[in-house]
PDB file of N, CA and C in Angstrom:
ATOM      1  N   UNK A   1     -80.499  27.356  14.127  1.00  0.00           N
ATOM      2  CA  UNK A   1     -80.533  27.141  12.690  1.00  0.00           C
ATOM      3  C   UNK A   1     -81.955  26.738  12.281  1.00  0.00           C
ATOM      4  N   UNK A   2     -82.400  27.283  11.173  1.00  0.00           N
ATOM      5  CA  UNK A   2     -83.717  26.920  10.672  1.00  0.00           C
ATOM      6  C   UNK A   2     -83.628  25.553  10.010  1.00  0.00           C
ATOM      7  N   UNK A   3     -84.733  24.879   9.934  1.00  0.00           N
ATOM      8  CA  UNK A   3     -84.737  23.548   9.327  1.00  0.00           C
ATOM      9  C   UNK A   3     -85.275  23.646   7.907  1.00  0.00           C
ATOM     10  N   UNK A   4     -84.387  23.526   6.945  1.00  0.00           N
ATOM     11  CA  UNK A   4     -84.783  23.492   5.541  1.00  0.00           C
ATOM     12  C   UNK A   4     -85.052  22.046   5.182  1.00  0.00           C
ATOM     13  N   UNK A   5     -85.976  21.786   4.290  1.00  0.00           N
ATOM     14  CA  UNK A   5     -86.283  20.411   3.917  1.00  0.00           C
ATOM     15  C   UNK A   5     -85.694  20.039   2.558  1.00  0.00           C
ATOM     16  N   UNK A   6     -84.836  20.874   2.006  1.00  0.00           N
ATOM     17  CA  UNK A   6     -84.255  20.600   0.703  1.00  0.00           C
ATOM     18  C   UNK A   6     -83.148  19.560   0.863  1.00  0.00           C
ATOM     19  N   UNK A   7     -83.328  18.442   0.206  1.00  0.00           N
ATOM     20  CA  UNK A   7     -82.290  17.419   0.145  1.00  0.00           C
ATOM     21  C   UNK A   7     -81.951  17.276  -1.326  1.00  0.00           C
ATOM     22  N   UNK A   8     -80.689  17.521  -1.649  1.00  0.00           N
ATOM     23  CA  UNK A   8     -80.254  17.590  -3.049  1.00  0.00           C
ATOM     24  C   UNK A   8     -79.238  16.495  -3.318  1.00  0.00           C
ATOM     25  N   UNK A   9     -79.397  15.835  -4.459  1.00  0.00           N
ATOM     26  CA  UNK A   9     -78.424  14.822  -4.876  1.00  0.00           C
ATOM     27  C   UNK A   9     -77.052  15.450  -4.832  1.00  0.00           C
ATOM     28  N   UNK A  10     -76.111  14.722  -4.301  1.00  0.00           N
ATOM     29  CA  UNK A  10     -74.807  15.255  -3.952  1.00  0.00           C
ATOM     30  C   UNK A  10     -73.799  15.123  -5.082  1.00  0.00           C
ATOM     31  N   UNK A  11     -73.557  16.214  -5.781  1.00  0.00           N
ATOM     32  CA  UNK A  11     -72.446  16.344  -6.718  1.00  0.00           C
ATOM     33  C   UNK A  11     -72.322  15.221  -7.734  1.00  0.00           C
ATOM     34  N   UNK A  12     -73.435  14.841  -8.328  1.00  0.00           N
ATOM     35  CA  UNK A  12     -73.393  13.882  -9.416  1.00  0.00           C
ATOM     36  C   UNK A  12     -73.284  12.427  -9.003  1.00  0.00           C
ATOM     37  N   UNK A  13     -73.313  12.121  -7.714  1.00  0.00           N
ATOM     38  CA  UNK A  13     -73.268  10.727  -7.300  1.00  0.00           C
ATOM     39  C   UNK A  13     -74.679  10.162  -7.323  1.00  0.00           C
ATOM     40  N   UNK A  14     -74.787   8.870  -7.444  1.00  0.00           N
ATOM     41  CA  UNK A  14     -76.115   8.268  -7.436  1.00  0.00           C
ATOM     42  C   UNK A  14     -76.566   7.894  -6.029  1.00  0.00           C
ATOM     43  N   UNK A  15     -75.632   7.820  -5.066  1.00  0.00           N
ATOM     44  CA  UNK A  15     -75.969   7.361  -3.724  1.00  0.00           C
ATOM     45  C   UNK A  15     -76.126   8.474  -2.711  1.00  0.00           C
ATOM     46  N   UNK A  16     -75.329   9.519  -2.804  1.00  0.00           N
ATOM     47  CA  UNK A  16     -75.244  10.504  -1.728  1.00  0.00           C
ATOM     48  C   UNK A  16     -76.119  11.724  -1.991  1.00  0.00           C
ATOM     49  N   UNK A  17     -76.735  12.197  -0.910  1.00  0.00           N
ATOM     50  CA  UNK A  17     -77.540  13.419  -0.944  1.00  0.00           C
ATOM     51  C   UNK A  17     -77.107  14.291   0.224  1.00  0.00           C
ATOM     52  N   UNK A  18     -77.362  15.578   0.120  1.00  0.00           N
ATOM     53  CA  UNK A  18     -76.988  16.493   1.194  1.00  0.00           C
ATOM     54  C   UNK A  18     -78.148  17.423   1.520  1.00  0.00           C
ATOM     55  N   UNK A  19     -78.191  17.775   2.778  1.00  0.00           N
ATOM     56  CA  UNK A  19     -79.162  18.747   3.280  1.00  0.00           C
ATOM     57  C   UNK A  19     -78.365  19.822   3.999  1.00  0.00           C
ATOM     58  N   UNK A  20     -78.544  21.064   3.606  1.00  0.00           N
ATOM     59  CA  UNK A  20     -77.870  22.189   4.242  1.00  0.00           C
ATOM     60  C   UNK A  20     -78.902  22.984   5.026  1.00  0.00           C
ATOM     61  N   UNK A  21     -78.529  23.393   6.219  1.00  0.00           N
ATOM     62  CA  UNK A  21     -79.401  24.213   7.050  1.00  0.00           C
ATOM     63  C   UNK A  21     -78.667  25.510   7.345  1.00  0.00           C
ATOM     64  N   UNK A  22     -79.340  26.613   7.086  1.00  0.00           N
ATOM     65  CA  UNK A  22     -78.768  27.947   7.267  1.00  0.00           C
ATOM     66  C   UNK A  22     -79.428  28.628   8.455  1.00  0.00           C
ATOM     67  N   UNK A  23     -78.794  29.660   8.961  1.00  0.00           N
ATOM     68  CA  UNK A  23     -79.353  30.438  10.069  1.00  0.00           C
ATOM     69  C   UNK A  23     -80.738  30.956   9.686  1.00  0.00           C
ATOM     70  N   UNK A  24     -81.626  31.087  10.676  1.00  0.00           N
ATOM     71  CA  UNK A  24     -82.972  31.590  10.375  1.00  0.00           C
ATOM     72  C   UNK A  24     -82.920  32.960   9.698  1.00  0.00           C
ATOM     73  N   UNK A  25     -83.845  33.170   8.810  1.00  0.00           N
ATOM     74  CA  UNK A  25     -84.003  34.442   8.102  1.00  0.00           C
ATOM     75  C   UNK A  25     -82.820  34.798   7.211  1.00  0.00           C
ATOM     76  N   UNK A  26     -81.999  33.849   6.873  1.00  0.00           N
ATOM     77  CA  UNK A  26     -80.860  34.096   5.981  1.00  0.00           C
ATOM     78  C   UNK A  26     -81.418  34.401   4.593  1.00  0.00           C
ATOM     79  N   UNK A  27     -81.048  35.566   4.055  1.00  0.00           N
ATOM     80  CA  UNK A  27     -81.537  35.972   2.738  1.00  0.00           C
ATOM     81  C   UNK A  27     -80.415  36.144   1.723  1.00  0.00           C
ATOM     82  N   UNK A  28     -79.182  36.419   2.198  1.00  0.00           N
ATOM     83  CA  UNK A  28     -78.061  36.683   1.305  1.00  0.00           C
ATOM     84  C   UNK A  28     -76.859  35.825   1.673  1.00  0.00           C
ATOM     85  N   UNK A  29     -76.089  35.501   0.681  1.00  0.00           N
ATOM     86  CA  UNK A  29     -74.847  34.753   0.872  1.00  0.00           C
ATOM     87  C   UNK A  29     -73.827  35.607   1.623  1.00  0.00           C
ATOM     88  N   UNK A  30     -73.038  34.965   2.459  1.00  0.00           N
ATOM     89  CA  UNK A  30     -71.897  35.583   3.123  1.00  0.00           C
ATOM     90  C   UNK A  30     -70.821  34.511   3.263  1.00  0.00           C
ATOM     91  N   UNK A  31     -69.546  34.847   3.062  1.00  0.00           N
ATOM     92  CA  UNK A  31     -68.490  33.848   3.237  1.00  0.00           C
ATOM     93  C   UNK A  31     -68.405  33.343   4.677  1.00  0.00           C
ATOM     94  N   UNK A  32     -68.974  34.096   5.624  1.00  0.00           N
ATOM     95  CA  UNK A  32     -68.942  33.696   7.030  1.00  0.00           C
ATOM     96  C   UNK A  32     -70.276  33.118   7.501  1.00  0.00           C
ATOM     97  N   UNK A  33     -71.147  32.747   6.561  1.00  0.00           N
ATOM     98  CA  UNK A  33     -72.432  32.209   6.974  1.00  0.00           C
ATOM     99  C   UNK A  33     -72.251  30.848   7.648  1.00  0.00           C
ATOM    100  N   UNK A  34     -73.034  30.617   8.681  1.00  0.00           N
ATOM    101  CA  UNK A  34     -73.011  29.345   9.397  1.00  0.00           C
ATOM    102  C   UNK A  34     -73.903  28.362   8.653  1.00  0.00           C
ATOM    103  N   UNK A  35     -73.384  27.155   8.462  1.00  0.00           N
ATOM    104  CA  UNK A  35     -74.104  26.132   7.708  1.00  0.00           C
ATOM    105  C   UNK A  35     -73.968  24.796   8.433  1.00  0.00           C
ATOM    106  N   UNK A  36     -75.075  24.114   8.596  1.00  0.00           N
ATOM    107  CA  UNK A  36     -75.047  22.735   9.069  1.00  0.00           C
ATOM    108  C   UNK A  36     -75.260  21.848   7.852  1.00  0.00           C
ATOM    109  N   UNK A  37     -74.416  20.848   7.717  1.00  0.00           N
ATOM    110  CA  UNK A  37     -74.479  19.934   6.582  1.00  0.00           C
ATOM    111  C   UNK A  37     -74.842  18.553   7.108  1.00  0.00           C
ATOM    112  N   UNK A  38     -75.793  17.891   6.458  1.00  0.00           N
ATOM    113  CA  UNK A  38     -76.062  16.487   6.741  1.00  0.00           C
ATOM    114  C   UNK A  38     -75.995  15.743   5.414  1.00  0.00           C
ATOM    115  N   UNK A  39     -75.207  14.686   5.389  1.00  0.00           N
ATOM    116  CA  UNK A  39     -75.025  13.907   4.164  1.00  0.00           C
ATOM    117  C   UNK A  39     -75.659  12.534   4.360  1.00  0.00           C
ATOM    118  N   UNK A  40     -76.390  12.089   3.349  1.00  0.00           N
ATOM    119  CA  UNK A  40     -77.114  10.818   3.390  1.00  0.00           C
ATOM    120  C   UNK A  40     -76.599   9.869   2.321  1.00  0.00           C
ATOM    121  N   UNK A  41     -76.577   8.589   2.667  1.00  0.00           N
ATOM    122  CA  UNK A  41     -76.370   7.503   1.708  1.00  0.00           C
ATOM    123  C   UNK A  41     -77.724   6.826   1.631  1.00  0.00           C
ATOM    124  N   UNK A  42     -78.483   7.159   0.593  1.00  0.00           N
ATOM    125  CA  UNK A  42     -79.874   6.727   0.543  1.00  0.00           C
ATOM    126  C   UNK A  42     -80.636   7.423   1.656  1.00  0.00           C
ATOM    127  N   UNK A  43     -81.277   6.640   2.539  1.00  0.00           N
ATOM    128  CA  UNK A  43     -82.009   7.252   3.652  1.00  0.00           C
ATOM    129  C   UNK A  43     -81.204   7.246   4.948  1.00  0.00           C
ATOM    130  N   UNK A  44     -79.981   6.756   4.907  1.00  0.00           N
ATOM    131  CA  UNK A  44     -79.136   6.695   6.102  1.00  0.00           C
ATOM    132  C   UNK A  44     -78.248   7.929   6.216  1.00  0.00           C
ATOM    133  N   UNK A  45     -78.257   8.555   7.381  1.00  0.00           N
ATOM    134  CA  UNK A  45     -77.383   9.703   7.618  1.00  0.00           C
ATOM    135  C   UNK A  45     -75.946   9.203   7.754  1.00  0.00           C
ATOM    136  N   UNK A  46     -75.049   9.779   6.971  1.00  0.00           N
ATOM    137  CA  UNK A  46     -73.650   9.345   6.947  1.00  0.00           C
ATOM    138  C   UNK A  46     -72.707  10.357   7.593  1.00  0.00           C
ATOM    139  N   UNK A  47     -73.173  11.557   7.850  1.00  0.00           N
ATOM    140  CA  UNK A  47     -72.309  12.547   8.472  1.00  0.00           C
ATOM    141  C   UNK A  47     -73.036  13.848   8.691  1.00  0.00           C
ATOM    142  N   UNK A  48     -72.721  14.515   9.796  1.00  0.00           N
ATOM    143  CA  UNK A  48     -73.252  15.834  10.101  1.00  0.00           C
ATOM    144  C   UNK A  48     -72.086  16.725  10.483  1.00  0.00           C
ATOM    145  N   UNK A  49     -72.087  17.950   9.938  1.00  0.00           N
ATOM    146  CA  UNK A  49     -70.997  18.879  10.169  1.00  0.00           C
ATOM    147  C   UNK A  49     -71.564  20.267  10.427  1.00  0.00           C
ATOM    148  N   UNK A  50     -71.010  20.965  11.413  1.00  0.00           N
ATOM    149  CA  UNK A  50     -71.368  22.364  11.671  1.00  0.00           C
ATOM    150  C   UNK A  50     -70.192  23.205  11.199  1.00  0.00           C
ATOM    151  N   UNK A  51     -70.477  24.161  10.335  1.00  0.00           N
ATOM    152  CA  UNK A  51     -69.431  24.991   9.739  1.00  0.00           C
ATOM    153  C   UNK A  51     -69.707  26.460  10.034  1.00  0.00           C
ATOM    154  N   UNK A  52     -68.634  27.219  10.254  1.00  0.00           N
ATOM    155  CA  UNK A  52     -68.750  28.643  10.552  1.00  0.00           C
ATOM    156  C   UNK A  52     -68.364  29.533   9.386  1.00  0.00           C
ATOM    157  N   UNK A  53     -68.016  28.923   8.253  1.00  0.00           N
ATOM    158  CA  UNK A  53     -67.689  29.701   7.057  1.00  0.00           C
ATOM    159  C   UNK A  53     -67.806  28.796   5.833  1.00  0.00           C
ATOM    160  N   UNK A  54     -67.850  29.429   4.683  1.00  0.00           N
ATOM    161  CA  UNK A  54     -67.917  28.676   3.438  1.00  0.00           C
ATOM    162  C   UNK A  54     -66.638  27.870   3.219  1.00  0.00           C
ATOM    163  N   UNK A  55     -65.510  28.378   3.699  1.00  0.00           N
ATOM    164  CA  UNK A  55     -64.251  27.629   3.598  1.00  0.00           C
ATOM    165  C   UNK A  55     -64.354  26.305   4.354  1.00  0.00           C
ATOM    166  N   UNK A  56     -64.984  26.317   5.516  1.00  0.00           N
ATOM    167  CA  UNK A  56     -65.183  25.079   6.272  1.00  0.00           C
ATOM    168  C   UNK A  56     -66.136  24.141   5.545  1.00  0.00           C
ATOM    169  N   UNK A  57     -67.178  24.690   4.925  1.00  0.00           N
ATOM    170  CA  UNK A  57     -68.101  23.877   4.138  1.00  0.00           C
ATOM    171  C   UNK A  57     -67.321  23.142   3.043  1.00  0.00           C
ATOM    172  N   UNK A  58     -66.475  23.870   2.333  1.00  0.00           N
ATOM    173  CA  UNK A  58     -65.685  23.265   1.258  1.00  0.00           C
ATOM    174  C   UNK A  58     -64.770  22.174   1.798  1.00  0.00           C
ATOM    175  N   UNK A  59     -64.116  22.431   2.922  1.00  0.00           N
ATOM    176  CA  UNK A  59     -63.211  21.436   3.501  1.00  0.00           C
ATOM    177  C   UNK A  59     -63.956  20.167   3.882  1.00  0.00           C
ATOM    178  N   UNK A  60     -65.086  20.292   4.548  1.00  0.00           N
ATOM    179  CA  UNK A  60     -65.849  19.126   5.013  1.00  0.00           C
ATOM    180  C   UNK A  60     -66.413  18.328   3.845  1.00  0.00           C
ATOM    181  N   UNK A  61     -67.028  19.018   2.879  1.00  0.00           N
ATOM    182  CA  UNK A  61     -67.618  18.321   1.747  1.00  0.00           C
ATOM    183  C   UNK A  61     -66.542  17.656   0.898  1.00  0.00           C
ATOM    184  N   UNK A  62     -65.450  18.353   0.647  1.00  0.00           N
ATOM    185  CA  UNK A  62     -64.366  17.792  -0.166  1.00  0.00           C
ATOM    186  C   UNK A  62     -63.778  16.552   0.492  1.00  0.00           C
ATOM    187  N   UNK A  63     -63.507  16.624   1.789  1.00  0.00           N
ATOM    188  CA  UNK A  63     -62.937  15.475   2.505  1.00  0.00           C
ATOM    189  C   UNK A  63     -63.902  14.287   2.479  1.00  0.00           C
ATOM    190  N   UNK A  64     -65.190  14.533   2.724  1.00  0.00           N
ATOM    191  CA  UNK A  64     -66.182  13.461   2.707  1.00  0.00           C
ATOM    192  C   UNK A  64     -66.264  12.835   1.322  1.00  0.00           C
ATOM    193  N   UNK A  65     -66.369  13.678   0.304  1.00  0.00           N
ATOM    194  CA  UNK A  65     -66.497  13.203  -1.078  1.00  0.00           C
ATOM    195  C   UNK A  65     -65.300  12.337  -1.474  1.00  0.00           C
ATOM    196  N   UNK A  66     -64.097  12.832  -1.196  1.00  0.00           N
ATOM    197  CA  UNK A  66     -62.896  12.101  -1.590  1.00  0.00           C
ATOM    198  C   UNK A  66     -62.759  10.796  -0.812  1.00  0.00           C
ATOM    199  N   UNK A  67     -63.125  10.800   0.474  1.00  0.00           N
ATOM    200  CA  UNK A  67     -63.060   9.576   1.281  1.00  0.00           C
ATOM    201  C   UNK A  67     -64.034   8.526   0.769  1.00  0.00           C
ATOM    202  N   UNK A  68     -65.248   8.949   0.453  1.00  0.00           N
ATOM    203  CA  UNK A  68     -66.294   7.990   0.074  1.00  0.00           C
ATOM    204  C   UNK A  68     -66.216   7.542  -1.385  1.00  0.00           C
ATOM    205  N   UNK A  69     -65.809   8.435  -2.279  1.00  0.00           N
ATOM    206  CA  UNK A  69     -65.806   8.072  -3.704  1.00  0.00           C
ATOM    207  C   UNK A  69     -64.423   7.696  -4.217  1.00  0.00           C
ATOM    208  N   UNK A  70     -63.382   8.122  -3.500  1.00  0.00           N
ATOM    209  CA  UNK A  70     -62.023   7.870  -3.963  1.00  0.00           C
ATOM    210  C   UNK A  70     -61.609   8.776  -5.107  1.00  0.00           C
ATOM    211  N   UNK A  71     -62.421   9.794  -5.384  1.00  0.00           N
ATOM    212  CA  UNK A  71     -62.132  10.730  -6.476  1.00  0.00           C
ATOM    213  C   UNK A  71     -61.973  12.137  -5.909  1.00  0.00           C
ATOM    214  N   UNK A  72     -61.177  12.947  -6.605  1.00  0.00           N
ATOM    215  CA  UNK A  72     -61.008  14.342  -6.210  1.00  0.00           C
ATOM    216  C   UNK A  72     -62.238  15.139  -6.633  1.00  0.00           C
ATOM    217  N   UNK A  73     -62.636  16.068  -5.800  1.00  0.00           N
ATOM    218  CA  UNK A  73     -63.783  16.930  -6.092  1.00  0.00           C
ATOM    219  C   UNK A  73     -63.280  18.258  -6.654  1.00  0.00           C
ATOM    220  N   UNK A  74     -63.714  18.592  -7.838  1.00  0.00           N
ATOM    221  CA  UNK A  74     -63.320  19.858  -8.452  1.00  0.00           C
ATOM    222  C   UNK A  74     -64.070  21.003  -7.761  1.00  0.00           C
ATOM    223  N   UNK A  75     -63.346  22.053  -7.435  1.00  0.00           N
ATOM    224  CA  UNK A  75     -63.936  23.198  -6.735  1.00  0.00           C
ATOM    225  C   UNK A  75     -65.031  23.848  -7.579  1.00  0.00           C
ATOM    226  N   UNK A  76     -64.825  23.924  -8.880  1.00  0.00           N
ATOM    227  CA  UNK A  76     -65.833  24.528  -9.764  1.00  0.00           C
ATOM    228  C   UNK A  76     -67.139  23.729  -9.721  1.00  0.00           C
ATOM    229  N   UNK A  77     -67.041  22.426  -9.652  1.00  0.00           N
ATOM    230  CA  UNK A  77     -68.236  21.579  -9.580  1.00  0.00           C
ATOM    231  C   UNK A  77     -68.961  21.805  -8.253  1.00  0.00           C
ATOM    232  N   UNK A  78     -68.206  21.877  -7.159  1.00  0.00           N
ATOM    233  CA  UNK A  78     -68.795  22.166  -5.853  1.00  0.00           C
ATOM    234  C   UNK A  78     -69.478  23.530  -5.870  1.00  0.00           C
ATOM    235  N   UNK A  79     -68.846  24.520  -6.478  1.00  0.00           N
ATOM    236  CA  UNK A  79     -69.405  25.874  -6.533  1.00  0.00           C
ATOM    237  C   UNK A  79     -70.737  25.892  -7.284  1.00  0.00           C
ATOM    238  N   UNK A  80     -70.791  25.227  -8.428  1.00  0.00           N
ATOM    239  CA  UNK A  80     -72.056  25.194  -9.187  1.00  0.00           C
ATOM    240  C   UNK A  80     -73.158  24.508  -8.382  1.00  0.00           C
ATOM    241  N   UNK A  81     -72.823  23.411  -7.700  1.00  0.00           N
ATOM    242  CA  UNK A  81     -73.795  22.692  -6.878  1.00  0.00           C
ATOM    243  C   UNK A  81     -74.289  23.595  -5.741  1.00  0.00           C
ATOM    244  N   UNK A  82     -73.356  24.301  -5.093  1.00  0.00           N
ATOM    245  CA  UNK A  82     -73.703  25.163  -3.965  1.00  0.00           C
ATOM    246  C   UNK A  82     -74.580  26.331  -4.420  1.00  0.00           C
ATOM    247  N   UNK A  83     -74.279  26.915  -5.563  1.00  0.00           N
ATOM    248  CA  UNK A  83     -75.106  28.003  -6.101  1.00  0.00           C
ATOM    249  C   UNK A  83     -76.524  27.513  -6.359  1.00  0.00           C
ATOM    250  N   UNK A  84     -76.670  26.338  -6.949  1.00  0.00           N
ATOM    251  CA  UNK A  84     -78.004  25.771  -7.182  1.00  0.00           C
ATOM    252  C   UNK A  84     -78.743  25.568  -5.862  1.00  0.00           C
ATOM    253  N   UNK A  85     -78.027  25.084  -4.852  1.00  0.00           N
ATOM    254  CA  UNK A  85     -78.645  24.855  -3.549  1.00  0.00           C
ATOM    255  C   UNK A  85     -79.131  26.176  -2.947  1.00  0.00           C
ATOM    256  N   UNK A  86     -78.289  27.212  -3.006  1.00  0.00           N
ATOM    257  CA  UNK A  86     -78.697  28.514  -2.475  1.00  0.00           C
ATOM    258  C   UNK A  86     -79.947  29.030  -3.184  1.00  0.00           C
ATOM    259  N   UNK A  87     -80.001  28.887  -4.507  1.00  0.00           N
ATOM    260  CA  UNK A  87     -81.166  29.336  -5.269  1.00  0.00           C
ATOM    261  C   UNK A  87     -82.420  28.602  -4.802  1.00  0.00           C
ATOM    262  N   UNK A  88     -82.310  27.285  -4.645  1.00  0.00           N
ATOM    263  CA  UNK A  88     -83.463  26.492  -4.215  1.00  0.00           C
ATOM    264  C   UNK A  88     -83.888  26.847  -2.788  1.00  0.00           C
ATOM    265  N   UNK A  89     -82.944  27.270  -1.957  1.00  0.00           N
ATOM    266  CA  UNK A  89     -83.245  27.646  -0.566  1.00  0.00           C
ATOM    267  C   UNK A  89     -83.717  29.100  -0.450  1.00  0.00           C
ATOM    268  N   UNK A  90     -83.735  29.832  -1.565  1.00  0.00           N
ATOM    269  CA  UNK A  90     -84.199  31.220  -1.537  1.00  0.00           C
ATOM    270  C   UNK A  90     -83.181  32.199  -0.983  1.00  0.00           C
ATOM    271  N   UNK A  91     -81.904  31.854  -1.076  1.00  0.00           N
ATOM    272  CA  UNK A  91     -80.834  32.732  -0.595  1.00  0.00           C
ATOM    273  C   UNK A  91     -80.125  33.324  -1.799  1.00  0.00           C
ATOM    274  N   UNK A  92     -79.957  34.647  -1.796  1.00  0.00           N
ATOM    275  CA  UNK A  92     -79.283  35.312  -2.914  1.00  0.00           C
ATOM    276  C   UNK A  92     -77.846  34.810  -2.991  1.00  0.00           C
ATOM    277  N   UNK A  93     -77.534  34.201  -4.125  1.00  0.00           N
ATOM    278  CA  UNK A  93     -76.221  33.578  -4.312  1.00  0.00           C
ATOM    279  C   UNK A  93     -75.187  34.581  -4.810  1.00  0.00           C
ATOM    280  N   UNK A  94     -73.904  34.309  -4.575  1.00  0.00           N
ATOM    281  CA  UNK A  94     -72.842  35.175  -5.092  1.00  0.00           C
ATOM    282  C   UNK A  94     -72.567  34.819  -6.551  1.00  0.00           C
ATOM    283  N   UNK A  95     -71.742  35.630  -7.213  1.00  0.00           N
ATOM    284  CA  UNK A  95     -71.315  35.236  -8.553  1.00  0.00           C
ATOM    285  C   UNK A  95     -70.313  34.083  -8.412  1.00  0.00           C
ATOM    286  N   UNK A  96     -70.112  33.340  -9.477  1.00  0.00           N
ATOM    287  CA  UNK A  96     -69.263  32.147  -9.445  1.00  0.00           C
ATOM    288  C   UNK A  96     -67.838  32.475  -9.020  1.00  0.00           C
ATOM    289  N   UNK A  97     -67.272  33.583  -9.512  1.00  0.00           N
ATOM    290  CA  UNK A  97     -65.897  33.951  -9.172  1.00  0.00           C
ATOM    291  C   UNK A  97     -65.733  34.172  -7.668  1.00  0.00           C
ATOM    292  N   UNK A  98     -66.673  34.891  -7.070  1.00  0.00           N
ATOM    293  CA  UNK A  98     -66.627  35.155  -5.624  1.00  0.00           C
ATOM    294  C   UNK A  98     -66.710  33.860  -4.841  1.00  0.00           C
ATOM    295  N   UNK A  99     -67.636  32.994  -5.223  1.00  0.00           N
ATOM    296  CA  UNK A  99     -67.791  31.734  -4.505  1.00  0.00           C
ATOM    297  C   UNK A  99     -66.552  30.854  -4.658  1.00  0.00           C
ATOM    298  N   UNK A 100     -65.977  30.788  -5.845  1.00  0.00           N
ATOM    299  CA  UNK A 100     -64.750  30.007  -6.042  1.00  0.00           C
ATOM    300  C   UNK A 100     -63.631  30.513  -5.130  1.00  0.00           C
ATOM    301  N   UNK A 101     -63.486  31.822  -5.052  1.00  0.00           N
ATOM    302  CA  UNK A 101     -62.457  32.412  -4.181  1.00  0.00           C
ATOM    303  C   UNK A 101     -62.692  32.005  -2.729  1.00  0.00           C
ATOM    304  N   UNK A 102     -63.953  32.054  -2.272  1.00  0.00           N
ATOM    305  CA  UNK A 102     -64.277  31.698  -0.896  1.00  0.00           C
ATOM    306  C   UNK A 102     -64.078  30.204  -0.633  1.00  0.00           C
ATOM    307  N   UNK A 103     -64.464  29.356  -1.574  1.00  0.00           N
ATOM    308  CA  UNK A 103     -64.320  27.917  -1.401  1.00  0.00           C
ATOM    309  C   UNK A 103     -62.850  27.488  -1.365  1.00  0.00           C
ATOM    310  N   UNK A 104     -61.995  28.220  -2.055  1.00  0.00           N
ATOM    311  CA  UNK A 104     -60.573  27.882  -2.103  1.00  0.00           C
ATOM    312  C   UNK A 104     -59.784  28.526  -0.962  1.00  0.00           C
ATOM    313  N   UNK A 105     -60.429  29.337  -0.165  1.00  0.00           N
ATOM    314  CA  UNK A 105     -59.779  30.002   0.961  1.00  0.00           C
ATOM    315  C   UNK A 105     -59.761  29.087   2.180  1.00  0.00           C
ATOM    316  N   UNK A 106     -58.930  29.438   3.139  1.00  0.00           N
ATOM    317  CA  UNK A 106     -58.973  28.768   4.437  1.00  0.00           C
ATOM    318  C   UNK A 106     -59.915  29.563   5.338  1.00  0.00           C
ATOM    319  N   UNK A 107     -60.392  28.954   6.420  1.00  0.00           N
ATOM    320  CA  UNK A 107     -61.225  29.724   7.353  1.00  0.00           C
ATOM    321  C   UNK A 107     -60.501  30.972   7.872  1.00  0.00           C
ATOM    322  N   UNK A 108     -59.196  30.881   8.059  1.00  0.00           N
ATOM    323  CA  UNK A 108     -58.422  32.023   8.535  1.00  0.00           C
ATOM    324  C   UNK A 108     -58.382  33.147   7.495  1.00  0.00           C
ATOM    325  N   UNK A 109     -58.286  32.790   6.221  1.00  0.00           N
ATOM    326  CA  UNK A 109     -58.294  33.807   5.160  1.00  0.00           C
ATOM    327  C   UNK A 109     -59.650  34.501   5.094  1.00  0.00           C
ATOM    328  N   UNK A 110     -60.729  33.746   5.255  1.00  0.00           N
ATOM    329  CA  UNK A 110     -62.078  34.333   5.290  1.00  0.00           C
ATOM    330  C   UNK A 110     -62.167  35.313   6.456  1.00  0.00           C
ATOM    331  N   UNK A 111     -61.689  34.895   7.622  1.00  0.00           N
ATOM    332  CA  UNK A 111     -61.730  35.742   8.813  1.00  0.00           C
ATOM    333  C   UNK A 111     -60.949  37.037   8.578  1.00  0.00           C
ATOM    334  N   UNK A 112     -59.788  36.932   7.974  1.00  0.00           N
ATOM    335  CA  UNK A 112     -58.943  38.123   7.702  1.00  0.00           C
ATOM    336  C   UNK A 112     -59.636  39.061   6.732  1.00  0.00           C
ATOM    337  N   UNK A 113     -60.277  38.522   5.702  1.00  0.00           N
ATOM    338  CA  UNK A 113     -60.966  39.351   4.698  1.00  0.00           C
ATOM    339  C   UNK A 113     -62.242  39.973   5.236  1.00  0.00           C
ATOM    340  N   UNK A 114     -62.990  39.202   6.008  1.00  0.00           N
ATOM    341  CA  UNK A 114     -64.325  39.628   6.412  1.00  0.00           C
ATOM    342  C   UNK A 114     -64.373  40.300   7.781  1.00  0.00           C
ATOM    343  N   UNK A 115     -63.324  40.184   8.566  1.00  0.00           N
ATOM    344  CA  UNK A 115     -63.309  40.800   9.882  1.00  0.00           C
ATOM    345  C   UNK A 115     -63.970  39.942  10.948  1.00  0.00           C
ATOM    346  N   UNK A 116     -64.192  40.524  12.089  1.00  0.00           N
ATOM    347  CA  UNK A 116     -64.692  39.768  13.244  1.00  0.00           C
ATOM    348  C   UNK A 116     -66.200  39.711  13.347  1.00  0.00           C
ATOM    349  N   UNK A 117     -66.923  40.467  12.545  1.00  0.00           N
ATOM    350  CA  UNK A 117     -68.377  40.492  12.634  1.00  0.00           C
ATOM    351  C   UNK A 117     -68.951  39.156  12.208  1.00  0.00           C
ATOM    352  N   UNK A 118     -69.727  38.535  13.082  1.00  0.00           N
ATOM    353  CA  UNK A 118     -70.356  37.251  12.758  1.00  0.00           C
ATOM    354  C   UNK A 118     -71.578  37.503  11.913  1.00  0.00           C
ATOM    355  N   UNK A 119     -71.756  36.663  10.875  1.00  0.00           N
ATOM    356  CA  UNK A 119     -72.908  36.831   9.985  1.00  0.00           C
ATOM    357  C   UNK A 119     -73.735  35.593   9.908  1.00  0.00           C
TER     358      UNK A 119
END
């Protein structure tokens, strides 16, 4: 995985920030893209997750957010945040509808739709 230095305030919270790392030379979004997530509380690392699909990214971020804030995370809010992150990282983002569908899917549904080819 390439090391991106983008650390973005996490979904409207004042304390949490996230850093996403994508595979080297990643130029386009894919529902099966591998993503490493690191979440910070200020300058302290609070969690690291390796994900093999966007569905896993949604599961990990949603669970972390709800555990730490005690509030439910709206999928649309996560999608807008993720699109902004992709733009800042120089990765061609999907349209909002496509990303919402992928974020609401399970990893198994992504696998069934996208096939066995790793991206």
